[in-house]
Amino acid sequence: MKPKIILSILLSSLTLWAGTLEVGGIRLPTQQDDFKLQGAGLLRKGFIFKIYVGALYLQNEEHVDEVLGAVPKRLDIHYFHHTPKKHMIRVAEETLKKNLTKEQYEKLLPMIGKLHDAYLNGQKSSVASLIYQPGEGLTYAFDDRIVITIPDDEFANAYFKIWLGEEPSSPLIKEAMLQGG
């Protein structure tokens, strides 16, 4: 099945509730503090096994074209089952290497390592969040508890390329998040 067809199926499975949007059985708030839900998508392995729902929040929808720039953003990952941090780290590192030059990757490697050391295993019904505020850097939170903040804007925007870069870990998730799906 072609990606566009799969995305259409995913987008047709969205349900809007008062103040929430349901994606893949997960109710997402349409507002998180100053952030508004831009879009969300369901990552599956095959057609049956749900991995996670990714949700992108922006302060202004006009920022969607500048999403990898110095605009405030929040990305929430809602897990459906236990996901070992070693798997998340492997995917993150592979995707970053595709989206950054060798020099950029090597420069950011100490910060990447620091963040990955702080990662927690995904658990059923848990939520991992990456929150970027210009001038403050990237904050990683797990179930709304701050785990670590890396105070570097360049690193923060590079790290979002895992989901939103030219070669994201899932083009379908990227499309759903950016198109308001």
N, C-alpha and C. Protein backbone atom coordinates (compact mmCIF):
# COMPACT_ATOMS: atom_id res chain seq x y z
N MET A 1 0.84 -1.17 0.00
CA MET A 1 0.00 0.00 0.00
C MET A 1 0.89 1.24 0.00
N LYS A 2 0.52 2.22 -0.78
CA LYS A 2 1.34 3.42 -0.88
C LYS A 2 1.19 4.29 0.35
N PRO A 3 2.26 5.06 0.69
CA PRO A 3 2.21 5.91 1.89
C PRO A 3 1.02 6.85 1.94
N LYS A 4 0.63 7.45 0.81
CA LYS A 4 -0.49 8.39 0.79
C LYS A 4 -1.79 7.69 1.18
N ILE A 5 -1.96 6.46 0.74
CA ILE A 5 -3.17 5.71 1.08
C ILE A 5 -3.18 5.40 2.56
N ILE A 6 -2.03 4.98 3.10
CA ILE A 6 -1.94 4.69 4.53
C ILE A 6 -2.23 5.95 5.33
N LEU A 7 -1.66 7.10 4.91
CA LEU A 7 -1.90 8.35 5.62
C LEU A 7 -3.38 8.70 5.58
N SER A 8 -4.05 8.49 4.44
CA SER A 8 -5.47 8.78 4.34
C SER A 8 -6.27 7.93 5.32
N ILE A 9 -5.89 6.67 5.44
CA ILE A 9 -6.56 5.80 6.39
C ILE A 9 -6.35 6.32 7.81
N LEU A 10 -5.11 6.70 8.12
CA LEU A 10 -4.81 7.21 9.47
C LEU A 10 -5.58 8.49 9.75
N LEU A 11 -5.60 9.41 8.79
CA LEU A 11 -6.29 10.67 9.00
C LEU A 11 -7.79 10.47 9.14
N SER A 12 -8.35 9.49 8.43
CA SER A 12 -9.78 9.24 8.53
C SER A 12 -10.14 8.61 9.88
N SER A 13 -9.14 8.09 10.60
CA SER A 13 -9.42 7.48 11.91
C SER A 13 -9.36 8.51 13.05
N LEU A 14 -9.17 9.77 12.74
CA LEU A 14 -9.12 10.81 13.76
C LEU A 14 -10.54 11.18 14.21
N THR A 15 -10.70 11.38 15.48
CA THR A 15 -11.99 11.77 16.04
C THR A 15 -11.77 12.99 16.92
N LEU A 16 -12.60 14.00 16.74
CA LEU A 16 -12.48 15.21 17.54
C LEU A 16 -13.47 15.16 18.70
N TRP A 17 -12.96 15.30 19.92
CA TRP A 17 -13.76 15.39 21.13
C TRP A 17 -13.58 16.80 21.66
N ALA A 18 -14.42 17.18 22.59
CA ALA A 18 -14.31 18.52 23.17
C ALA A 18 -12.95 18.71 23.81
N GLY A 19 -12.13 19.57 23.22
CA GLY A 19 -10.81 19.87 23.76
C GLY A 19 -9.77 18.80 23.53
N THR A 20 -10.15 17.72 22.83
CA THR A 20 -9.19 16.66 22.54
C THR A 20 -9.36 16.19 21.11
N LEU A 21 -8.36 15.52 20.62
CA LEU A 21 -8.39 14.88 19.31
C LEU A 21 -7.95 13.44 19.53
N GLU A 22 -8.73 12.50 19.04
CA GLU A 22 -8.38 11.10 19.23
C GLU A 22 -7.65 10.57 17.99
N VAL A 23 -6.48 9.99 18.23
CA VAL A 23 -5.68 9.40 17.17
C VAL A 23 -5.28 8.01 17.63
N GLY A 24 -5.69 7.00 16.90
CA GLY A 24 -5.31 5.63 17.24
C GLY A 24 -5.76 5.20 18.62
N GLY A 25 -6.85 5.79 19.12
CA GLY A 25 -7.34 5.45 20.44
C GLY A 25 -6.75 6.29 21.57
N ILE A 26 -5.83 7.19 21.24
CA ILE A 26 -5.22 8.08 22.23
C ILE A 26 -5.89 9.44 22.12
N ARG A 27 -6.40 9.95 23.24
CA ARG A 27 -6.98 11.30 23.26
C ARG A 27 -5.88 12.31 23.54
N LEU A 28 -5.67 13.18 22.59
CA LEU A 28 -4.64 14.21 22.70
C LEU A 28 -5.30 15.55 23.02
N PRO A 29 -4.76 16.27 23.98
CA PRO A 29 -5.30 17.61 24.23
C PRO A 29 -5.00 18.51 23.03
N THR A 30 -5.95 19.35 22.67
CA THR A 30 -5.71 20.27 21.55
C THR A 30 -4.91 21.48 22.00
N GLN A 31 -4.72 21.61 23.29
CA GLN A 31 -3.93 22.71 23.86
C GLN A 31 -3.05 22.16 24.98
N GLN A 32 -1.76 22.54 24.99
CA GLN A 32 -0.82 22.19 26.06
C GLN A 32 -0.13 23.48 26.46
N ASP A 33 -0.51 24.06 27.58
CA ASP A 33 0.02 25.36 28.00
C ASP A 33 -0.19 26.36 26.87
N ASP A 34 0.90 26.95 26.35
CA ASP A 34 0.79 27.94 25.26
C ASP A 34 0.81 27.30 23.88
N PHE A 35 0.85 25.99 23.82
CA PHE A 35 0.98 25.28 22.55
C PHE A 35 -0.36 24.73 22.07
N LYS A 36 -0.59 24.84 20.75
CA LYS A 36 -1.80 24.29 20.14
C LYS A 36 -1.39 23.09 19.27
N LEU A 37 -2.24 22.09 19.28
CA LEU A 37 -1.98 20.89 18.49
C LEU A 37 -1.94 21.24 17.01
N GLN A 38 -0.82 20.98 16.36
CA GLN A 38 -0.67 21.20 14.93
C GLN A 38 -1.15 19.97 14.17
N GLY A 39 -0.74 18.80 14.62
CA GLY A 39 -1.13 17.57 13.95
C GLY A 39 -0.55 16.38 14.68
N ALA A 40 -1.05 15.21 14.34
CA ALA A 40 -0.62 13.99 15.01
C ALA A 40 -0.76 12.81 14.06
N GLY A 41 0.05 11.79 14.31
CA GLY A 41 0.00 10.59 13.48
C GLY A 41 0.30 9.35 14.29
N LEU A 42 -0.18 8.24 13.79
CA LEU A 42 -0.01 6.95 14.42
C LEU A 42 1.06 6.16 13.68
N LEU A 43 2.07 5.71 14.42
CA LEU A 43 3.10 4.87 13.83
C LEU A 43 2.74 3.42 14.12
N ARG A 44 2.69 2.62 13.07
CA ARG A 44 2.37 1.19 13.17
C ARG A 44 3.51 0.37 12.59
N LYS A 45 3.60 -0.84 13.07
CA LYS A 45 4.47 -1.84 12.45
C LYS A 45 3.51 -2.79 11.77
N GLY A 46 3.55 -2.82 10.43
CA GLY A 46 2.54 -3.55 9.70
C GLY A 46 1.23 -2.79 9.79
N PHE A 47 0.11 -3.50 9.72
CA PHE A 47 -1.19 -2.84 9.78
C PHE A 47 -1.85 -2.96 11.14
N ILE A 48 -1.32 -3.80 12.02
CA ILE A 48 -2.00 -4.07 13.26
C ILE A 48 -1.28 -3.53 14.48
N PHE A 49 0.03 -3.69 14.56
CA PHE A 49 0.78 -3.39 15.77
C PHE A 49 1.05 -1.89 15.89
N LYS A 50 0.43 -1.25 16.90
CA LYS A 50 0.61 0.18 17.14
C LYS A 50 1.89 0.40 17.95
N ILE A 51 2.74 1.33 17.51
CA ILE A 51 3.98 1.66 18.22
C ILE A 51 3.77 2.89 19.10
N TYR A 52 3.44 4.02 18.47
CA TYR A 52 3.19 5.25 19.23
C TYR A 52 2.37 6.23 18.40
N VAL A 53 1.83 7.22 19.09
CA VAL A 53 1.21 8.38 18.45
C VAL A 53 2.15 9.54 18.70
N GLY A 54 2.54 10.23 17.63
CA GLY A 54 3.35 11.43 17.74
C GLY A 54 2.47 12.65 17.53
N ALA A 55 2.60 13.64 18.40
CA ALA A 55 1.78 14.86 18.32
C ALA A 55 2.69 16.09 18.37
N LEU A 56 2.52 16.96 17.40
CA LEU A 56 3.30 18.20 17.33
C LEU A 56 2.43 19.36 17.76
N TYR A 57 2.97 20.16 18.67
CA TYR A 57 2.31 21.36 19.16
C TYR A 57 3.16 22.57 18.83
N LEU A 58 2.50 23.64 18.34
CA LEU A 58 3.18 24.90 18.05
C LEU A 58 2.42 26.03 18.73
N GLN A 59 3.11 27.14 18.98
CA GLN A 59 2.42 28.30 19.56
C GLN A 59 1.61 29.03 18.49
N ASN A 60 2.11 29.05 17.27
CA ASN A 60 1.43 29.70 16.15
C ASN A 60 1.48 28.76 14.95
N GLU A 61 0.31 28.49 14.36
CA GLU A 61 0.31 27.59 13.21
C GLU A 61 1.08 28.16 12.02
N GLU A 62 1.29 29.46 12.00
CA GLU A 62 2.08 30.07 10.92
C GLU A 62 3.52 29.57 10.96
N HIS A 63 3.94 29.04 12.09
CA HIS A 63 5.32 28.57 12.24
C HIS A 63 5.57 27.20 11.62
N VAL A 64 4.54 26.58 11.04
CA VAL A 64 4.72 25.23 10.51
C VAL A 64 5.81 25.19 9.43
N ASP A 65 5.92 26.25 8.62
CA ASP A 65 6.95 26.29 7.57
C ASP A 65 8.34 26.54 8.14
N GLU A 66 8.40 27.01 9.38
CA GLU A 66 9.68 27.29 10.04
C GLU A 66 9.92 26.35 11.22
N VAL A 67 9.29 25.19 11.19
CA VAL A 67 9.25 24.30 12.36
C VAL A 67 10.64 23.87 12.84
N LEU A 68 11.62 23.84 11.96
CA LEU A 68 12.98 23.47 12.37
C LEU A 68 13.82 24.69 12.71
N GLY A 69 13.20 25.85 12.75
CA GLY A 69 13.91 27.07 13.13
C GLY A 69 13.68 27.40 14.59
N ALA A 70 13.96 28.63 14.94
CA ALA A 70 13.88 29.08 16.33
C ALA A 70 12.45 29.46 16.70
N VAL A 71 11.53 28.48 16.59
CA VAL A 71 10.15 28.69 17.00
C VAL A 71 9.82 27.71 18.12
N PRO A 72 9.07 28.15 19.12
CA PRO A 72 8.70 27.25 20.21
C PRO A 72 7.89 26.07 19.66
N LYS A 73 8.17 24.87 20.20
CA LYS A 73 7.47 23.67 19.74
C LYS A 73 7.53 22.61 20.81
N ARG A 74 6.61 21.68 20.69
CA ARG A 74 6.54 20.55 21.62
C ARG A 74 6.15 19.32 20.82
N LEU A 75 6.85 18.23 21.07
CA LEU A 75 6.55 16.95 20.42
C LEU A 75 6.30 15.93 21.52
N ASP A 76 5.11 15.34 21.50
CA ASP A 76 4.76 14.31 22.48
C ASP A 76 4.69 12.95 21.79
N ILE A 77 5.28 11.95 22.43
CA ILE A 77 5.23 10.57 21.96
C ILE A 77 4.43 9.77 22.98
N HIS A 78 3.29 9.25 22.55
CA HIS A 78 2.41 8.45 23.41
C HIS A 78 2.63 6.97 23.07
N TYR A 79 3.18 6.23 24.01
CA TYR A 79 3.55 4.83 23.77
C TYR A 79 2.38 3.88 23.99
N PHE A 80 2.31 2.84 23.15
CA PHE A 80 1.29 1.80 23.29
C PHE A 80 1.80 0.58 24.06
N HIS A 81 3.11 0.46 24.19
CA HIS A 81 3.69 -0.70 24.87
C HIS A 81 5.11 -0.37 25.30
N HIS A 82 5.73 -1.29 26.01
CA HIS A 82 7.12 -1.11 26.43
C HIS A 82 8.01 -0.92 25.19
N THR A 83 8.79 0.14 25.20
CA THR A 83 9.73 0.43 24.12
C THR A 83 11.09 0.70 24.76
N PRO A 84 12.04 -0.22 24.58
CA PRO A 84 13.36 -0.03 25.21
C PRO A 84 14.06 1.22 24.70
N LYS A 85 14.71 1.93 25.62
CA LYS A 85 15.42 3.15 25.23
C LYS A 85 16.50 2.86 24.21
N LYS A 86 17.10 1.68 24.23
CA LYS A 86 18.15 1.35 23.25
C LYS A 86 17.58 1.37 21.83
N HIS A 87 16.32 0.99 21.66
CA HIS A 87 15.71 1.05 20.33
C HIS A 87 15.51 2.51 19.91
N MET A 88 15.01 3.35 20.83
CA MET A 88 14.79 4.77 20.51
C MET A 88 16.10 5.46 20.17
N ILE A 89 17.14 5.13 20.91
CA ILE A 89 18.45 5.73 20.68
C ILE A 89 19.01 5.32 19.32
N ARG A 90 18.87 4.05 18.97
CA ARG A 90 19.35 3.55 17.68
C ARG A 90 18.67 4.30 16.53
N VAL A 91 17.34 4.41 16.59
CA VAL A 91 16.59 5.11 15.55
C VAL A 91 16.99 6.59 15.51
N ALA A 92 17.13 7.21 16.68
CA ALA A 92 17.51 8.62 16.73
C ALA A 92 18.87 8.85 16.09
N GLU A 93 19.84 8.04 16.45
CA GLU A 93 21.19 8.22 15.90
C GLU A 93 21.24 7.97 14.41
N GLU A 94 20.56 6.93 13.93
CA GLU A 94 20.53 6.66 12.48
C GLU A 94 19.89 7.82 11.73
N THR A 95 18.80 8.35 12.27
CA THR A 95 18.08 9.44 11.59
C THR A 95 18.87 10.74 11.64
N LEU A 96 19.51 11.03 12.76
CA LEU A 96 20.33 12.24 12.84
C LEU A 96 21.47 12.19 11.84
N LYS A 97 22.10 11.04 11.68
CA LYS A 97 23.20 10.91 10.73
C LYS A 97 22.73 11.15 9.30
N LYS A 98 21.48 10.84 8.99
CA LYS A 98 20.93 11.08 7.65
C LYS A 98 20.61 12.56 7.43
N ASN A 99 20.32 13.28 8.51
CA ASN A 99 19.83 14.65 8.39
C ASN A 99 20.87 15.72 8.70
N LEU A 100 22.01 15.32 9.25
CA LEU A 100 23.07 16.26 9.58
C LEU A 100 24.33 15.93 8.81
N THR A 101 25.16 16.94 8.58
CA THR A 101 26.47 16.65 8.00
C THR A 101 27.29 15.93 9.07
N LYS A 102 28.37 15.32 8.64
CA LYS A 102 29.24 14.63 9.59
C LYS A 102 29.77 15.61 10.64
N GLU A 103 30.11 16.82 10.19
CA GLU A 103 30.64 17.83 11.10
C GLU A 103 29.59 18.27 12.11
N GLN A 104 28.35 18.48 11.65
CA GLN A 104 27.27 18.88 12.55
C GLN A 104 27.04 17.78 13.60
N TYR A 105 26.98 16.54 13.14
CA TYR A 105 26.72 15.41 14.04
C TYR A 105 27.82 15.31 15.10
N GLU A 106 29.07 15.40 14.67
CA GLU A 106 30.18 15.29 15.62
C GLU A 106 30.19 16.44 16.62
N LYS A 107 29.83 17.63 16.16
CA LYS A 107 29.78 18.79 17.05
C LYS A 107 28.70 18.61 18.13
N LEU A 108 27.57 18.03 17.73
CA LEU A 108 26.44 17.87 18.64
C LEU A 108 26.49 16.57 19.44
N LEU A 109 27.42 15.69 19.12
CA LEU A 109 27.48 14.37 19.74
C LEU A 109 27.52 14.39 21.27
N PRO A 110 28.28 15.30 21.92
CA PRO A 110 28.24 15.31 23.39
C PRO A 110 26.84 15.59 23.95
N MET A 111 26.10 16.48 23.29
CA MET A 111 24.74 16.79 23.76
C MET A 111 23.78 15.65 23.44
N ILE A 112 23.97 15.03 22.27
CA ILE A 112 23.15 13.86 21.92
C ILE A 112 23.35 12.77 22.97
N GLY A 113 24.59 12.51 23.32
CA GLY A 113 24.90 11.50 24.33
C GLY A 113 24.28 11.83 25.68
N LYS A 114 24.33 13.09 26.06
CA LYS A 114 23.76 13.52 27.34
C LYS A 114 22.24 13.28 27.38
N LEU A 115 21.57 13.64 26.29
CA LEU A 115 20.13 13.42 26.21
C LEU A 115 19.82 11.93 26.21
N HIS A 116 20.54 11.16 25.41
CA HIS A 116 20.27 9.73 25.33
C HIS A 116 20.55 9.02 26.65
N ASP A 117 21.52 9.48 27.39
CA ASP A 117 21.78 8.91 28.72
C ASP A 117 20.58 9.14 29.65
N ALA A 118 19.86 10.23 29.43
CA ALA A 118 18.72 10.57 30.28
C ALA A 118 17.41 9.91 29.84
N TYR A 119 17.40 9.37 28.62
CA TYR A 119 16.18 8.72 28.12
C TYR A 119 15.70 7.65 29.08
N LEU A 120 14.38 7.49 29.15
CA LEU A 120 13.75 6.43 29.92
C LEU A 120 13.07 5.47 28.95
N ASN A 121 12.93 4.22 29.34
CA ASN A 121 12.21 3.26 28.52
C ASN A 121 10.76 3.71 28.39
N GLY A 122 10.21 3.60 27.18
CA GLY A 122 8.80 3.89 26.99
C GLY A 122 7.97 2.79 27.63
N GLN A 123 6.89 3.17 28.26
CA GLN A 123 5.98 2.21 28.91
C GLN A 123 4.58 2.42 28.35
N LYS A 124 3.79 1.36 28.39
CA LYS A 124 2.41 1.48 27.93
C LYS A 124 1.74 2.66 28.63
N SER A 125 1.11 3.51 27.85
CA SER A 125 0.39 4.70 28.32
C SER A 125 1.28 5.83 28.81
N SER A 126 2.60 5.71 28.69
CA SER A 126 3.48 6.81 29.09
C SER A 126 3.66 7.79 27.93
N VAL A 127 4.10 9.01 28.27
CA VAL A 127 4.30 10.06 27.27
C VAL A 127 5.67 10.68 27.47
N ALA A 128 6.46 10.66 26.40
CA ALA A 128 7.74 11.35 26.38
C ALA A 128 7.53 12.66 25.61
N SER A 129 8.09 13.75 26.12
CA SER A 129 7.91 15.06 25.49
C SER A 129 9.25 15.72 25.25
N LEU A 130 9.37 16.36 24.10
CA LEU A 130 10.51 17.21 23.78
C LEU A 130 9.94 18.61 23.60
N ILE A 131 10.41 19.55 24.41
CA ILE A 131 9.87 20.90 24.40
C ILE A 131 11.01 21.87 24.12
N TYR A 132 10.81 22.72 23.12
CA TYR A 132 11.83 23.69 22.75
C TYR A 132 11.30 25.11 22.94
N GLN A 133 12.06 25.90 23.67
CA GLN A 133 11.82 27.34 23.81
C GLN A 133 13.10 28.05 23.39
N PRO A 134 13.04 28.95 22.40
CA PRO A 134 14.24 29.66 21.99
C PRO A 134 14.93 30.33 23.18
N GLY A 135 16.23 30.17 23.22
CA GLY A 135 17.02 30.74 24.31
C GLY A 135 17.10 29.86 25.54
N GLU A 136 16.25 28.84 25.62
CA GLU A 136 16.26 27.92 26.77
C GLU A 136 16.75 26.53 26.40
N GLY A 137 16.62 26.17 25.13
CA GLY A 137 17.08 24.87 24.68
C GLY A 137 15.99 23.82 24.67
N LEU A 138 16.41 22.56 24.72
CA LEU A 138 15.51 21.42 24.59
C LEU A 138 15.32 20.75 25.95
N THR A 139 14.06 20.57 26.31
CA THR A 139 13.72 19.88 27.55
C THR A 139 13.10 18.54 27.20
N TYR A 140 13.59 17.48 27.85
CA TYR A 140 13.01 16.14 27.72
C TYR A 140 12.24 15.88 29.01
N ALA A 141 10.95 15.58 28.86
CA ALA A 141 10.11 15.26 30.00
C ALA A 141 9.48 13.90 29.78
N PHE A 142 9.20 13.20 30.87
CA PHE A 142 8.57 11.90 30.79
C PHE A 142 7.39 11.91 31.76
N ASP A 143 6.19 11.68 31.22
CA ASP A 143 4.96 11.77 32.01
C ASP A 143 4.89 13.09 32.78
N ASP A 144 5.19 14.17 32.07
CA ASP A 144 5.12 15.54 32.58
C ASP A 144 6.13 15.87 33.68
N ARG A 145 7.13 15.02 33.86
CA ARG A 145 8.22 15.32 34.81
C ARG A 145 9.48 15.64 34.00
N ILE A 146 10.06 16.79 34.25
CA ILE A 146 11.27 17.17 33.53
C ILE A 146 12.40 16.24 33.94
N VAL A 147 13.06 15.67 32.92
CA VAL A 147 14.19 14.77 33.15
C VAL A 147 15.50 15.51 32.93
N ILE A 148 15.58 16.28 31.84
CA ILE A 148 16.82 17.01 31.52
C ILE A 148 16.49 18.15 30.57
N THR A 149 17.30 19.21 30.66
CA THR A 149 17.25 20.30 29.69
C THR A 149 18.65 20.48 29.15
N ILE A 150 18.75 20.54 27.83
CA ILE A 150 20.02 20.81 27.14
C ILE A 150 19.91 22.24 26.60
N PRO A 151 20.61 23.20 27.21
CA PRO A 151 20.44 24.61 26.85
C PRO A 151 21.22 25.03 25.61
N ASP A 152 20.81 24.48 24.46
CA ASP A 152 21.50 24.80 23.20
C ASP A 152 20.47 24.79 22.08
N ASP A 153 20.23 25.96 21.48
CA ASP A 153 19.23 26.07 20.42
C ASP A 153 19.59 25.26 19.18
N GLU A 154 20.84 25.28 18.79
CA GLU A 154 21.25 24.55 17.59
C GLU A 154 20.99 23.05 17.77
N PHE A 155 21.35 22.54 18.93
CA PHE A 155 21.10 21.13 19.22
C PHE A 155 19.60 20.82 19.19
N ALA A 156 18.80 21.67 19.83
CA ALA A 156 17.36 21.43 19.89
C ALA A 156 16.75 21.31 18.51
N ASN A 157 17.06 22.25 17.64
CA ASN A 157 16.47 22.23 16.31
C ASN A 157 17.01 21.09 15.46
N ALA A 158 18.25 20.72 15.67
CA ALA A 158 18.80 19.55 14.96
C ALA A 158 18.10 18.28 15.42
N TYR A 159 17.82 18.18 16.72
CA TYR A 159 17.23 16.95 17.26
C TYR A 159 15.81 16.72 16.75
N PHE A 160 15.07 17.78 16.52
CA PHE A 160 13.72 17.65 15.97
C PHE A 160 13.73 17.08 14.55
N LYS A 161 14.88 17.08 13.89
CA LYS A 161 14.97 16.51 12.54
C LYS A 161 14.70 15.01 12.53
N ILE A 162 14.78 14.37 13.69
CA ILE A 162 14.44 12.94 13.77
C ILE A 162 13.02 12.73 13.26
N TRP A 163 12.12 13.63 13.60
CA TRP A 163 10.72 13.50 13.18
C TRP A 163 10.35 14.45 12.05
N LEU A 164 11.06 15.57 11.91
CA LEU A 164 10.62 16.61 11.00
C LEU A 164 11.65 16.99 9.93
N GLY A 165 12.76 16.28 9.86
CA GLY A 165 13.81 16.61 8.91
C GLY A 165 13.51 16.12 7.50
N GLU A 166 14.46 16.34 6.60
CA GLU A 166 14.32 15.90 5.20
C GLU A 166 14.15 14.39 5.11
N GLU A 167 14.84 13.65 5.98
CA GLU A 167 14.74 12.19 6.02
C GLU A 167 14.34 11.76 7.44
N PRO A 168 13.07 11.94 7.77
CA PRO A 168 12.63 11.63 9.14
C PRO A 168 12.57 10.13 9.39
N SER A 169 12.47 9.76 10.64
CA SER A 169 12.35 8.34 10.98
C SER A 169 11.06 7.76 10.41
N SER A 170 10.02 8.56 10.27
CA SER A 170 8.75 8.13 9.66
C SER A 170 8.18 9.28 8.84
N PRO A 171 8.27 9.18 7.51
CA PRO A 171 7.68 10.23 6.68
C PRO A 171 6.17 10.40 6.90
N LEU A 172 5.48 9.31 7.24
CA LEU A 172 4.03 9.41 7.47
C LEU A 172 3.71 10.22 8.72
N ILE A 173 4.49 10.01 9.78
CA ILE A 173 4.28 10.77 11.01
C ILE A 173 4.57 12.25 10.74
N LYS A 174 5.67 12.52 10.05
CA LYS A 174 6.02 13.90 9.73
C LYS A 174 4.87 14.58 8.96
N GLU A 175 4.38 13.91 7.94
CA GLU A 175 3.30 14.49 7.12
C GLU A 175 2.05 14.74 7.95
N ALA A 176 1.69 13.78 8.79
CA ALA A 176 0.48 13.94 9.62
C ALA A 176 0.65 15.11 10.60
N MET A 177 1.84 15.23 11.21
CA MET A 177 2.05 16.30 12.18
C MET A 177 2.06 17.67 11.51
N LEU A 178 2.66 17.77 10.34
CA LEU A 178 2.78 19.08 9.69
C LEU A 178 1.51 19.50 8.94
N GLN A 179 0.75 18.54 8.49
CA GLN A 179 -0.47 18.88 7.74
C GLN A 179 -1.69 19.02 8.62
N GLY A 180 -1.49 18.92 9.91
CA GLY A 180 -2.61 19.11 10.81
C GLY A 180 -3.52 17.90 10.87
N GLY A 181 -2.94 16.71 10.62
CA GLY A 181 -3.75 15.49 10.60
C GLY A 181 -4.00 14.93 11.96
